[in-house]
């Protein structure tokens, strides 16, 4: 699915829309009969409501009372009047409205569905994909943003909203795009995070209902859905919720390479308790591994930029093909579970300041378990630096060694690090972006550091799902992350601060919400599997191809990477598993550049 949003004005230039290899374009018009939405979508993916001169379109899986929504649409006098409706819909959707020629456009809070916009021929045009707009206006690649994509763990807010093309903008979290009858745009914040004040029993019930609704809109009408069954709590929970719904469940589990990883043991226990589901299990030699090439080269051409999780792209392609062949149209992933329900050291800082009697014992306990030094812990607890200060510190630490896993961090967000093979030019570009961002003195996603980190994690997860979902859709599979749906995010954020962690407990909010839906024996798991062995095996299996890749590196042509340094680091020993993430980001950028280059070499019918 893809669409372009056009204003209800006479555009003083022709708009040429690429349609290479696609089914015929579809169009939904404004009340004036001018084209409004142009693109590709299936009938089951869209709901269109009409009330006089007003139009409402919802793309995606949700539950909508069309009669009530039509009455609300008829009463609407401005885009603002649809806020109440937007706050009630489950699922992950685009909500679009044309009200007497004025447009409202928004995606999901997490960014699993997003709106991008630019100026063309003096008016605003928007789309669900930045590449669609880049092709329309001829926007060039933003080299500085590409350099930023080399950094780990990723671009910090607000730089994470920068697209790969100059002049193509993305909506901020909680904002909608309004376009008036002159084609002029404005971004309006329509959503704010709820206060963290709901006690666990009541909050867990709300989380439970939101998760069930999020899964139910995907399994409605008896659909076949596939789902990851990794053995972890997040994916296991979704599988049990889906199995209790209307649809048919197909699960996928990949046995880990490392025998010490007990994910398979837990996945087998879960599968035994899901007898009505069909289970697909693959061993390390049964399909593609990490860093393997995909069988469909076009899949790499990410419409949103370099793909997160590109290390596992071939395996995800395999799962998508297998699921589609067995009748599935949606694949569920547990992304968002860690971001919403785990706690970081920064949570301790918030807890100590809001509930000192609870926070102090928690700090002492965590310090002992993690062997944090006294002075670093005190510095983290007492630091009051602003968000702009954190961006400046990130610029300072770009070339610093990566922090050790045991190192305590209670700041706004981990400082980005550039890999050793990044060029001086790349470092200069990223340094300038961070300095300029700090100079603007941007507001964080939340005034509290802990909640800022939660929201930033949600946005990173949403962007990953959006990018990967776009490439897997070519196989007829919609990638879904129910934990990242708006209503689930809101419910998780409402939990009282001191209830987010418990002594000896693992994700207490999620385990409480899933109790009764998931057997207690599965909720008892307290750890997560490690997959560094998969990366090492992938490097060894693809050694020759990776070496050849470094011989003519597109990133080196752009002056962003030292190809020789990358080759030596990639093929040399890697005793520290924490050093694996930089390779993934670099290889994702390289693969994306090559795919975009291949696409430009093909003629595009108009």
Protein backbone atom coordinates (compact mmCIF):
# COMPACT_ATOMS: atom_id res chain seq x y z
CA UNK A 1 0.00 0.00 0.00
CA UNK A 2 1.16 3.53 -0.76
CA UNK A 3 -0.51 6.87 -1.28
CA UNK A 4 0.12 10.50 -2.15
CA UNK A 5 -1.92 13.32 -0.54
CA UNK A 6 -2.81 16.29 -2.75
CA UNK A 7 -4.29 19.60 -1.54
CA UNK A 8 -7.69 20.81 -2.67
CA UNK A 9 -6.22 23.54 -4.88
CA UNK A 10 -5.36 24.02 -8.52
CA UNK A 11 -1.69 23.08 -8.77
CA UNK A 12 0.13 25.24 -11.34
CA UNK A 13 2.18 22.28 -12.60
CA UNK A 14 1.58 18.71 -13.69
CA UNK A 15 2.23 16.04 -11.09
CA UNK A 16 3.93 12.98 -12.53
CA UNK A 17 3.56 9.85 -10.40
CA UNK A 18 5.82 6.86 -11.01
CA UNK A 19 3.91 3.60 -11.37
CA UNK A 20 6.59 1.12 -12.44
CA UNK A 21 5.48 -2.51 -12.24
CA UNK A 22 2.47 -1.60 -10.14
CA UNK A 23 -1.26 -2.28 -10.51
CA UNK A 24 -3.33 0.65 -11.76
CA UNK A 25 -3.37 3.75 -9.59
CA UNK A 26 -6.46 4.37 -7.46
CA UNK A 27 -7.86 7.75 -6.53
CA UNK A 28 -10.15 9.22 -3.87
CA UNK A 29 -11.33 12.76 -4.59
CA UNK A 30 -12.08 15.82 -2.49
CA UNK A 31 -15.69 17.01 -2.49
CA UNK A 32 -14.57 19.44 -5.21
CA UNK A 33 -13.74 16.41 -7.41
CA UNK A 34 -10.04 17.32 -7.37
CA UNK A 35 -7.82 14.30 -6.66
CA UNK A 36 -7.02 13.90 -2.96
CA UNK A 37 -5.46 10.47 -2.38
CA UNK A 38 -3.64 8.73 -5.22
CA UNK A 39 -1.86 5.38 -4.87
CA UNK A 40 -2.24 1.65 -4.45
CA UNK A 41 -4.33 -0.15 -1.86
CA UNK A 42 -6.67 -3.10 -1.53
CA UNK A 43 -10.33 -2.71 -0.66
CA UNK A 44 -9.86 -4.46 2.69
CA UNK A 45 -7.15 -1.96 3.67
CA UNK A 46 -9.32 1.15 3.47
CA UNK A 47 -12.54 2.57 4.94
CA UNK A 48 -14.05 5.64 3.25
CA UNK A 49 -16.79 7.71 4.91
CA UNK A 50 -18.65 10.64 3.32
CA UNK A 51 -20.78 13.27 5.04
CA UNK A 52 -21.71 16.11 2.68
CA UNK A 53 -18.51 17.96 1.74
CA UNK A 54 -16.44 16.02 4.24
CA UNK A 55 -14.44 12.87 3.66
CA UNK A 56 -12.76 10.51 6.13
CA UNK A 57 -10.37 7.75 5.05
CA UNK A 58 -8.79 5.20 7.38
CA UNK A 59 -6.01 2.98 6.06
CA UNK A 60 -5.08 -0.06 8.14
CA UNK A 61 -6.52 -2.61 10.54
CA UNK A 62 -8.87 -1.14 13.13
CA UNK A 63 -12.38 -1.37 14.54
CA UNK A 64 -14.52 1.56 13.43
CA UNK A 65 -18.19 2.23 14.15
CA UNK A 66 -18.93 3.69 10.73
CA UNK A 67 -22.33 5.14 11.68
CA UNK A 68 -20.97 6.95 14.74
CA UNK A 69 -17.88 8.07 12.84
CA UNK A 70 -20.00 9.42 9.98
CA UNK A 71 -22.09 11.44 12.44
CA UNK A 72 -18.92 12.82 14.01
CA UNK A 73 -17.57 13.67 10.57
CA UNK A 74 -20.80 15.50 9.70
CA UNK A 75 -20.47 17.63 12.86
CA UNK A 76 -16.80 18.46 12.23
CA UNK A 77 -16.07 22.07 11.29
CA UNK A 78 -12.27 21.81 11.33
CA UNK A 79 -9.57 19.09 11.37
CA UNK A 80 -9.31 19.57 15.16
CA UNK A 81 -12.84 18.24 15.63
CA UNK A 82 -11.70 14.69 14.81
CA UNK A 83 -9.26 14.48 17.75
CA UNK A 84 -11.74 12.54 19.90
CA UNK A 85 -12.28 9.94 17.17
CA UNK A 86 -8.54 9.55 16.63
CA UNK A 87 -8.06 8.83 20.36
CA UNK A 88 -10.42 5.83 20.33
CA UNK A 89 -9.36 3.68 17.37
CA UNK A 90 -7.36 0.50 18.03
CA UNK A 91 -4.75 -0.88 15.66
CA UNK A 92 -2.15 0.88 13.53
CA UNK A 93 -3.69 3.27 11.03
CA UNK A 94 -3.41 6.33 8.85
CA UNK A 95 -6.31 8.70 9.54
CA UNK A 96 -6.98 11.20 6.75
CA UNK A 97 -9.75 13.74 6.42
CA UNK A 98 -10.86 16.34 3.88
CA UNK A 99 -13.17 18.87 5.55
CA UNK A 100 -14.45 21.49 3.13
CA UNK A 101 -11.08 21.39 1.38
CA UNK A 102 -8.95 21.40 4.55
CA UNK A 103 -6.87 18.29 5.11
CA UNK A 104 -5.92 16.39 8.26
CA UNK A 105 -3.31 13.63 7.94
CA UNK A 106 -1.70 11.52 10.65
CA UNK A 107 -0.10 8.15 11.22
CA UNK A 108 0.58 6.09 14.35
CA UNK A 109 2.13 7.53 17.51
CA UNK A 110 5.04 5.09 17.22
CA UNK A 111 5.63 5.84 13.55
CA UNK A 112 4.72 2.36 12.32
CA UNK A 113 2.59 4.43 9.96
CA UNK A 114 3.95 7.87 9.19
CA UNK A 115 3.23 11.00 7.17
CA UNK A 116 5.93 12.81 5.15
CA UNK A 117 5.53 16.15 3.42
CA UNK A 118 7.25 18.67 1.16
CA UNK A 119 6.53 21.67 -1.06
CA UNK A 120 5.86 21.25 -4.76
CA UNK A 121 4.78 23.97 -7.21
CA UNK A 122 4.01 26.29 -4.30
CA UNK A 123 1.75 23.91 -2.37
CA UNK A 124 2.16 21.13 0.19
CA UNK A 125 2.03 17.52 -0.90
CA UNK A 126 2.33 14.58 1.48
CA UNK A 127 2.67 10.81 1.38
CA UNK A 128 3.16 7.72 3.52
CA UNK A 129 6.65 7.26 2.04
CA UNK A 130 9.49 9.79 1.78
CA UNK A 131 10.83 8.19 -1.37
CA UNK A 132 7.54 8.81 -3.19
CA UNK A 133 7.93 12.53 -2.50
CA UNK A 134 11.66 12.49 -3.28
CA UNK A 135 10.92 11.08 -6.73
CA UNK A 136 8.14 13.62 -7.24
CA UNK A 137 10.23 16.71 -6.49
CA UNK A 138 13.66 15.37 -7.43
CA UNK A 139 15.04 15.71 -3.89
CA UNK A 140 18.74 14.82 -3.54
CA UNK A 141 20.20 12.41 -1.01
CA UNK A 142 21.12 14.05 2.29
CA UNK A 143 24.72 12.92 2.74
CA UNK A 144 24.88 14.19 6.33
CA UNK A 145 21.91 12.06 7.36
CA UNK A 146 23.46 9.02 5.70
CA UNK A 147 26.60 9.63 7.77
CA UNK A 148 24.40 9.83 10.88
CA UNK A 149 22.92 6.41 10.04
CA UNK A 150 26.39 4.89 10.57
CA UNK A 151 26.24 5.77 14.27
CA UNK A 152 25.21 3.38 17.02
CA UNK A 153 22.88 2.81 18.72
CA UNK A 154 21.17 5.23 16.37
CA UNK A 155 20.33 8.85 15.70
CA UNK A 156 19.06 10.62 18.83
CA UNK A 157 15.86 12.61 18.94
CA UNK A 158 15.15 14.93 17.15
CA UNK A 159 17.67 13.95 14.45
CA UNK A 160 15.99 10.55 14.18
CA UNK A 161 13.14 12.26 12.31
CA UNK A 162 15.42 13.43 9.49
CA UNK A 163 14.70 11.61 6.24
CA UNK A 164 17.32 10.46 3.74
CA UNK A 165 16.31 13.19 1.26
CA UNK A 166 16.86 16.94 1.52
CA UNK A 167 13.59 18.85 1.80
CA UNK A 168 11.42 15.85 2.69
CA UNK A 169 10.10 16.22 6.25
CA UNK A 170 8.53 13.78 8.69
CA UNK A 171 5.87 14.49 11.29
CA UNK A 172 6.99 14.64 14.90
CA UNK A 173 5.54 12.19 17.43
CA UNK A 174 2.00 13.06 18.49
CA UNK A 175 1.53 15.56 15.64
CA UNK A 176 -0.79 15.73 12.68
CA UNK A 177 -0.37 17.55 9.38
CA UNK A 178 -2.99 20.15 8.46
CA UNK A 179 -3.16 21.59 4.92
CA UNK A 180 -5.46 24.56 4.30
CA UNK A 181 -7.34 25.57 1.17
CA UNK A 182 -4.29 27.48 -0.12
CA UNK A 183 -2.05 24.42 0.11
CA UNK A 184 -0.21 25.78 3.15
CA UNK A 185 0.86 23.29 5.80
CA UNK A 186 1.03 23.39 9.58
CA UNK A 187 1.93 20.71 12.08
CA UNK A 188 -0.32 20.49 15.13
CA UNK A 189 0.36 18.54 18.31
CA UNK A 190 -2.86 16.67 19.03
CA UNK A 191 -1.58 14.04 21.53
CA UNK A 192 0.30 14.21 24.82
CA UNK A 193 1.58 11.26 26.90
CA UNK A 194 -0.69 10.43 29.83
CA UNK A 195 0.46 11.02 33.39
CA UNK A 196 2.22 8.04 35.00
CA UNK A 197 -0.14 7.71 37.93
CA UNK A 198 -2.38 4.64 37.44
CA UNK A 199 -1.74 1.83 39.99
CA UNK A 200 -0.58 -1.48 38.55
CA UNK A 201 -3.78 -3.57 38.97
CA UNK A 202 -5.91 -1.03 37.11
CA UNK A 203 -3.20 -0.14 34.59
CA UNK A 204 -2.49 -3.81 33.81
CA UNK A 205 -6.17 -4.36 33.05
CA UNK A 206 -6.07 -1.46 30.59
CA UNK A 207 -2.86 -2.79 29.01
CA UNK A 208 -4.44 -6.24 28.73
CA UNK A 209 -7.55 -4.89 26.99
CA UNK A 210 -5.44 -2.78 24.62
CA UNK A 211 -3.23 -5.74 23.65
CA UNK A 212 -6.26 -7.94 23.03
CA UNK A 213 -7.85 -5.24 20.85
CA UNK A 214 -4.57 -4.72 18.97
CA UNK A 215 -4.35 -8.42 18.12
CA UNK A 216 -8.10 -8.81 17.50
CA UNK A 217 -8.16 -6.25 14.67
CA UNK A 218 -5.53 -8.40 12.90
CA UNK A 219 -7.28 -11.75 13.47
CA UNK A 220 -10.82 -10.49 12.73
CA UNK A 221 -12.98 -12.37 10.24
CA UNK A 222 -11.02 -15.57 10.78
CA UNK A 223 -7.83 -14.40 9.09
CA UNK A 224 -4.74 -16.56 9.17
CA UNK A 225 -1.97 -14.71 10.98
CA UNK A 226 1.63 -15.78 11.41
CA UNK A 227 3.71 -14.77 14.40
CA UNK A 228 7.19 -15.03 15.80
CA UNK A 229 7.48 -17.57 18.61
CA UNK A 230 11.01 -16.83 19.70
CA UNK A 231 10.46 -18.13 23.22
CA UNK A 232 10.69 -14.67 24.75
CA UNK A 233 7.87 -13.17 26.79
CA UNK A 234 6.85 -10.52 24.25
CA UNK A 235 6.31 -12.79 21.23
CA UNK A 236 4.92 -15.64 23.35
CA UNK A 237 2.29 -13.32 24.78
CA UNK A 238 1.12 -12.25 21.33
CA UNK A 239 0.87 -15.87 20.17
CA UNK A 240 -1.45 -16.81 23.04
CA UNK A 241 -3.60 -13.72 22.56
CA UNK A 242 -3.86 -14.46 18.83
CA UNK A 243 -4.68 -18.13 19.44
CA UNK A 244 -7.65 -17.06 21.57
CA UNK A 245 -9.02 -14.86 18.78
CA UNK A 246 -11.04 -15.50 15.65
CA UNK A 247 -8.18 -16.30 13.31
CA UNK A 248 -5.88 -19.22 12.63
CA UNK A 249 -2.38 -19.01 14.07
CA UNK A 250 0.85 -20.02 12.33
CA UNK A 251 4.03 -19.62 14.41
CA UNK A 252 7.68 -19.42 13.34
CA UNK A 253 10.67 -20.31 15.49
CA UNK A 254 14.34 -20.34 14.49
CA UNK A 255 16.58 -22.45 16.64
CA UNK A 256 19.56 -20.38 17.81
CA UNK A 257 23.13 -21.23 16.85
CA UNK A 258 24.42 -20.97 20.41
CA UNK A 259 23.50 -24.05 22.46
CA UNK A 260 23.57 -21.89 25.60
CA UNK A 261 20.62 -19.87 24.28
CA UNK A 262 17.55 -21.56 25.76
CA UNK A 263 14.99 -19.79 23.55
CA UNK A 264 14.07 -23.08 21.87
CA UNK A 265 13.28 -24.73 25.20
CA UNK A 266 10.81 -22.00 26.05
CA UNK A 267 9.37 -21.92 22.51
CA UNK A 268 8.76 -25.69 22.65
CA UNK A 269 6.93 -25.31 25.94
CA UNK A 270 4.75 -22.61 24.45
CA UNK A 271 4.04 -24.59 21.27
CA UNK A 272 2.94 -27.60 23.32
CA UNK A 273 0.35 -25.39 24.99
CA UNK A 274 -0.90 -24.11 21.62
CA UNK A 275 -2.15 -27.35 20.03
CA UNK A 276 -4.56 -25.66 17.61
CA UNK A 277 -1.81 -23.57 16.01
CA UNK A 278 0.49 -24.70 13.21
CA UNK A 279 4.15 -24.45 14.14
CA UNK A 280 7.08 -23.95 11.81
CA UNK A 281 10.55 -24.61 13.23
CA UNK A 282 13.83 -24.01 11.44
CA UNK A 283 17.34 -24.98 12.45
CA UNK A 284 20.51 -23.02 11.65
CA UNK A 285 21.00 -25.05 8.45
CA UNK A 286 17.33 -25.08 7.35
CA UNK A 287 17.21 -21.65 5.77
CA UNK A 288 19.04 -18.39 5.32
CA UNK A 289 21.21 -17.08 8.12
CA UNK A 290 22.27 -13.66 9.23
CA UNK A 291 23.97 -11.49 6.58
CA UNK A 292 22.91 -13.88 3.80
CA UNK A 293 21.79 -12.34 0.54
CA UNK A 294 18.07 -12.11 -0.15
CA UNK A 295 16.67 -14.04 -3.11
CA UNK A 296 14.71 -11.01 -4.33
CA UNK A 297 17.19 -8.13 -4.83
CA UNK A 298 14.39 -5.58 -5.06
CA UNK A 299 13.49 -6.18 -1.44
CA UNK A 300 16.49 -4.18 -0.22
CA UNK A 301 15.23 -0.99 -1.84
CA UNK A 302 13.81 0.51 1.37
CA UNK A 303 11.42 3.34 0.68
CA UNK A 304 12.29 4.85 4.04
CA UNK A 305 16.07 4.47 3.92
CA UNK A 306 18.58 1.89 5.21
CA UNK A 307 16.78 -1.00 6.89
CA UNK A 308 17.08 -1.71 10.59
CA UNK A 309 17.54 -5.44 11.24
CA UNK A 310 19.12 -5.82 7.80
CA UNK A 311 21.35 -8.56 9.25
CA UNK A 312 18.26 -10.76 9.37
CA UNK A 313 16.60 -9.61 6.16
CA UNK A 314 17.05 -12.88 4.24
CA UNK A 315 15.45 -14.83 7.07
CA UNK A 316 12.54 -12.41 7.32
CA UNK A 317 12.04 -12.70 3.56
CA UNK A 318 11.94 -16.50 4.00
CA UNK A 319 9.34 -16.22 6.78
CA UNK A 320 7.20 -13.82 4.73
CA UNK A 321 7.20 -16.14 1.72
CA UNK A 322 6.46 -19.18 3.88
CA UNK A 323 3.64 -17.43 5.76
CA UNK A 324 2.02 -16.13 2.57
CA UNK A 325 2.18 -19.60 1.01
CA UNK A 326 0.19 -20.91 3.99
CA UNK A 327 -2.51 -18.29 3.71
CA UNK A 328 -1.31 -15.68 6.19
CA UNK A 329 -1.70 -11.99 5.41
CA UNK A 330 -0.33 -10.55 8.67
CA UNK A 331 2.82 -11.40 10.63
CA UNK A 332 2.99 -10.41 14.31
CA UNK A 333 6.22 -9.39 16.02
CA UNK A 334 6.88 -8.60 19.67
CA UNK A 335 8.70 -5.34 18.94
CA UNK A 336 7.75 -2.72 21.52
CA UNK A 337 7.63 -5.10 24.47
CA UNK A 338 11.15 -4.24 25.61
CA UNK A 339 10.70 -0.54 24.95
CA UNK A 340 7.45 -0.22 26.90
CA UNK A 341 7.80 -2.72 29.72
CA UNK A 342 11.53 -3.03 30.54
CA UNK A 343 13.30 -0.51 32.75
CA UNK A 344 16.69 1.14 32.30
CA UNK A 345 19.04 2.67 34.91
CA UNK A 346 17.45 6.04 34.13
CA UNK A 347 14.25 4.72 35.67
CA UNK A 348 16.08 4.52 39.01
CA UNK A 349 16.88 8.22 38.80
CA UNK A 350 13.20 9.05 38.31
CA UNK A 351 12.11 6.59 40.99
CA UNK A 352 14.51 8.01 43.56
CA UNK A 353 13.27 11.55 42.91
CA UNK A 354 9.56 10.73 42.92
CA UNK A 355 9.46 7.93 45.52
CA UNK A 356 12.68 8.07 47.56
CA UNK A 357 11.63 5.41 50.08
CA UNK A 358 11.11 2.97 47.22
CA UNK A 359 13.88 4.29 45.01
CA UNK A 360 16.83 4.18 47.40
CA UNK A 361 16.65 0.40 48.10
CA UNK A 362 16.17 -0.21 44.37
CA UNK A 363 19.27 1.83 43.53
CA UNK A 364 21.37 0.00 46.14
CA UNK A 365 20.15 -3.38 44.91
CA UNK A 366 20.81 -2.62 41.23
CA UNK A 367 24.21 -1.13 42.00
CA UNK A 368 25.22 -4.33 43.79
CA UNK A 369 23.86 -6.64 41.06
CA UNK A 370 25.49 -4.70 38.21
CA UNK A 371 28.70 -3.75 40.04
CA UNK A 372 28.29 -0.06 39.34
CA UNK A 373 30.95 2.18 40.83
CA UNK A 374 29.81 4.53 43.61
CA UNK A 375 30.94 7.76 41.92
CA UNK A 376 29.43 6.98 38.46
CA UNK A 377 26.17 6.04 40.17
CA UNK A 378 26.10 9.27 42.17
CA UNK A 379 26.94 11.31 39.08
CA UNK A 380 24.06 9.71 37.20
CA UNK A 381 21.59 10.26 40.03
CA UNK A 382 22.53 13.90 40.56
CA UNK A 383 23.09 15.03 36.96
CA UNK A 384 20.64 17.77 35.95
CA UNK A 385 21.95 18.53 32.47
CA UNK A 386 19.44 19.74 29.89
CA UNK A 387 18.46 17.86 26.77
CA UNK A 388 20.55 20.28 24.69
CA UNK A 389 23.51 19.49 26.96
CA UNK A 390 23.04 15.81 26.16
CA UNK A 391 23.20 16.51 22.42
CA UNK A 392 26.41 18.47 22.93
CA UNK A 393 27.87 15.61 24.97
CA UNK A 394 26.92 13.27 22.14
CA UNK A 395 28.88 15.42 19.70
CA UNK A 396 31.88 15.32 22.03
CA UNK A 397 31.77 11.51 22.42
CA UNK A 398 31.33 10.56 18.76
CA UNK A 399 34.80 8.98 18.56
CA UNK A 400 34.97 7.76 22.17
CA UNK A 401 35.09 4.01 22.87
CA UNK A 402 31.71 2.36 23.23
CA UNK A 403 30.52 2.20 26.85
CA UNK A 404 30.97 -1.12 28.63
CA UNK A 405 27.79 -3.15 29.27
CA UNK A 406 28.30 -2.71 33.02
CA UNK A 407 28.69 1.07 32.74
CA UNK A 408 25.82 2.93 34.43
CA UNK A 409 24.02 5.52 32.30
CA UNK A 410 21.17 7.69 33.55
CA UNK A 411 21.17 10.40 30.89
CA UNK A 412 18.57 11.35 28.32
CA UNK A 413 19.69 8.76 25.79
CA UNK A 414 22.89 6.85 24.96
CA UNK A 415 25.40 9.03 23.12
CA UNK A 416 25.84 8.03 19.47
CA UNK A 417 29.20 6.52 18.51
CA UNK A 418 30.70 6.40 15.02
CA UNK A 419 32.57 3.22 14.06
CA UNK A 420 36.34 3.28 13.67
CA UNK A 421 36.04 2.95 9.89
CA UNK A 422 33.90 6.10 9.54
CA UNK A 423 35.85 8.84 7.79
CA UNK A 424 36.82 12.21 9.23
CA UNK A 425 34.33 13.75 6.80
CA UNK A 426 31.53 11.59 8.19
CA UNK A 427 32.49 12.56 11.74
CA UNK A 428 32.45 16.24 10.80
CA UNK A 429 28.97 15.89 9.30
CA UNK A 430 27.50 14.11 12.31
CA UNK A 431 29.23 16.47 14.75
CA UNK A 432 27.71 19.44 12.93
CA UNK A 433 24.22 17.89 13.00
CA UNK A 434 24.40 17.36 16.77
CA UNK A 435 25.80 20.85 17.45
CA UNK A 436 23.13 22.49 15.28
CA UNK A 437 20.38 20.42 16.93
CA UNK A 438 21.59 21.48 20.39
CA UNK A 439 21.69 25.13 19.30
CA UNK A 440 17.95 24.94 18.53
CA UNK A 441 17.39 23.95 22.20
CA UNK A 442 14.76 21.33 21.29
CA UNK A 443 12.28 19.96 23.79
CA UNK A 444 12.71 16.28 24.66
CA UNK A 445 9.88 13.85 24.04
CA UNK A 446 9.04 14.16 27.75
CA UNK A 447 10.35 16.32 30.58
CA UNK A 448 11.22 13.16 32.53
CA UNK A 449 14.30 11.34 31.24
CA UNK A 450 12.87 7.88 31.83
CA UNK A 451 9.71 8.58 29.86
CA UNK A 452 11.75 10.30 27.15
CA UNK A 453 13.76 7.10 26.77
CA UNK A 454 10.59 4.99 26.61
CA UNK A 455 9.12 7.18 23.89
CA UNK A 456 12.38 7.31 21.95
CA UNK A 457 12.58 3.50 22.05
CA UNK A 458 8.99 3.30 20.81
CA UNK A 459 9.84 5.60 17.89
CA UNK A 460 12.95 3.57 16.97
CA UNK A 461 10.87 0.38 17.04
CA UNK A 462 8.12 1.98 14.98
CA UNK A 463 10.56 3.17 12.33
CA UNK A 464 12.05 -0.32 12.11
CA UNK A 465 8.64 -1.94 11.67
CA UNK A 466 7.66 0.67 9.07
CA UNK A 467 10.82 0.17 7.02
CA UNK A 468 10.83 -3.61 7.18
CA UNK A 469 7.08 -3.79 6.62
CA UNK A 470 7.42 -1.77 3.42
CA UNK A 471 9.83 -4.26 1.89
CA UNK A 472 7.99 -7.39 3.07
CA UNK A 473 4.67 -6.14 1.74
CA UNK A 474 5.74 -7.22 -1.74
CA UNK A 475 5.07 -10.82 -0.59
CA UNK A 476 1.52 -10.02 0.50
CA UNK A 477 2.42 -9.89 4.20
CA UNK A 478 1.67 -6.99 6.53
CA UNK A 479 4.21 -6.70 9.33
CA UNK A 480 2.49 -5.80 12.63
CA UNK A 481 3.76 -4.90 16.08
CA UNK A 482 0.66 -4.78 18.34
CA UNK A 483 2.64 -3.49 21.33
CA UNK A 484 3.37 -0.34 19.31
CA UNK A 485 -0.28 0.44 18.61
CA UNK A 486 -1.48 3.80 19.95
CA UNK A 487 -3.81 2.43 22.62
CA UNK A 488 -1.18 -0.01 23.95
CA UNK A 489 1.46 2.74 24.11
CA UNK A 490 -0.94 5.01 26.01
CA UNK A 491 -1.89 2.29 28.46
CA UNK A 492 1.74 1.37 29.15
CA UNK A 493 2.73 5.00 29.71
CA UNK A 494 -0.06 5.49 32.25
CA UNK A 495 1.43 2.99 34.74
CA UNK A 496 2.52 4.49 38.05
CA UNK A 497 6.30 4.99 38.12
CA UNK A 498 7.00 2.83 41.16
CA UNK A 499 5.02 -0.08 39.66
CA UNK A 500 7.17 -0.39 36.55
CA UNK A 501 9.79 -2.53 38.30
CA UNK A 502 9.61 -5.12 41.09
CA UNK A 503 12.19 -6.96 43.12
CA UNK A 504 12.99 -10.24 41.39
CA UNK A 505 10.31 -9.61 38.76
CA UNK A 506 10.66 -9.33 34.98
CA UNK A 507 8.46 -6.82 33.15
CA UNK A 508 5.86 -6.74 35.96
CA UNK A 509 3.39 -4.63 33.97
CA UNK A 510 3.36 -7.01 31.00
CA UNK A 511 3.35 -10.22 33.07
CA UNK A 512 0.45 -8.90 35.15
CA UNK A 513 -1.46 -7.92 32.01
CA UNK A 514 -0.89 -11.32 30.38
CA UNK A 515 -1.69 -13.42 33.45
CA UNK A 516 -4.62 -15.66 32.63
CA UNK A 517 -3.99 -15.31 28.91
CA UNK A 518 -0.53 -16.91 29.02
CA UNK A 519 0.17 -19.93 31.25
CA UNK A 520 1.99 -19.02 34.46
CA UNK A 521 4.85 -21.40 33.70
CA UNK A 522 5.74 -19.30 30.64
CA UNK A 523 5.44 -16.02 32.51
CA UNK A 524 8.13 -17.26 34.85
CA UNK A 525 10.96 -16.67 32.37
CA UNK A 526 13.42 -14.03 33.60
CA UNK A 527 16.05 -13.81 30.83
CA UNK A 528 16.52 -13.21 27.12
CA UNK A 529 18.50 -15.09 24.50
CA UNK A 530 21.75 -13.78 23.01
CA UNK A 531 22.28 -13.89 19.24
CA UNK A 532 25.88 -12.79 18.79
CA UNK A 533 26.68 -16.33 17.57
CA UNK A 534 24.36 -15.76 14.62
CA UNK A 535 26.34 -12.70 13.60
CA UNK A 536 29.69 -14.49 13.84
CA UNK A 537 28.31 -17.42 11.82
CA UNK A 538 26.94 -14.99 9.23
CA UNK A 539 30.29 -13.26 8.82
CA UNK A 540 32.08 -16.59 8.41
CA UNK A 541 29.55 -17.93 5.90
CA UNK A 542 29.59 -14.71 3.84
CA UNK A 543 33.28 -13.90 4.22
CA UNK A 544 34.05 -13.85 0.50
CA UNK A 545 31.01 -11.77 -0.43
CA UNK A 546 31.69 -9.24 2.34
CA UNK A 547 35.31 -8.92 1.23
CA UNK A 548 34.19 -8.29 -2.35
CA UNK A 549 31.68 -5.73 -1.08
CA UNK A 550 34.50 -3.76 0.48
CA UNK A 551 36.42 -3.70 -2.80
CA UNK A 552 33.98 -1.20 -4.32
CA UNK A 553 32.16 0.37 -1.39
CA UNK A 554 29.53 2.96 -2.28
CA UNK A 555 29.97 4.54 1.13
CA UNK A 556 33.67 4.95 0.33
CA UNK A 557 32.79 6.64 -2.96
CA UNK A 558 30.81 9.19 -0.93
CA UNK A 559 33.77 9.70 1.36
CA UNK A 560 31.97 8.39 4.45
CA UNK A 561 33.85 5.13 5.12
CA UNK A 562 37.41 3.85 4.86
CA UNK A 563 36.85 0.62 2.93
CA UNK A 564 40.14 -0.95 4.03
CA UNK A 565 39.43 -0.27 7.71
CA UNK A 566 35.94 -1.74 7.36
CA UNK A 567 37.27 -4.87 5.66
CA UNK A 568 39.90 -5.42 8.35
CA UNK A 569 37.40 -4.91 11.16
CA UNK A 570 34.71 -7.03 9.53
CA UNK A 571 36.90 -10.02 8.76
CA UNK A 572 39.14 -9.80 11.82
CA UNK A 573 38.55 -11.19 15.32
CA UNK A 574 35.74 -9.63 17.38
CA UNK A 575 36.13 -10.64 21.01
CA UNK A 576 33.56 -8.12 22.25
CA UNK A 577 30.00 -8.90 21.11
CA UNK A 578 29.00 -5.29 21.83
CA UNK A 579 31.06 -4.30 18.78
CA UNK A 580 28.71 -6.07 16.36
CA UNK A 581 26.04 -3.35 16.05
CA UNK A 582 28.21 -0.89 14.07
CA UNK A 583 28.69 -3.48 11.31
CA UNK A 584 24.96 -3.88 10.90
CA UNK A 585 24.36 -0.14 10.47
CA UNK A 586 27.18 0.21 7.94
CA UNK A 587 26.12 -2.82 5.89
CA UNK A 588 22.51 -1.60 5.92
CA UNK A 589 23.60 1.78 4.52
CA UNK A 590 25.76 0.11 1.86
CA UNK A 591 22.98 -2.28 0.77
CA UNK A 592 20.51 0.56 0.58
CA UNK A 593 22.82 2.69 -1.55
CA UNK A 594 23.35 -0.18 -3.98
CA UNK A 595 19.64 -0.93 -4.28
CA UNK A 596 18.79 2.74 -4.84
CA UNK A 597 21.50 2.85 -7.52
CA UNK A 598 19.98 -0.19 -9.22
CA UNK A 599 16.52 1.37 -9.16
CA UNK A 600 17.79 4.58 -10.75
CA UNK A 601 19.27 2.56 -13.61
CA UNK A 602 15.83 1.19 -14.53
CA UNK A 603 13.40 3.17 -16.71
CA UNK A 604 10.33 4.26 -14.75
CA UNK A 605 6.99 4.32 -16.61
CA UNK A 606 4.83 7.28 -15.65
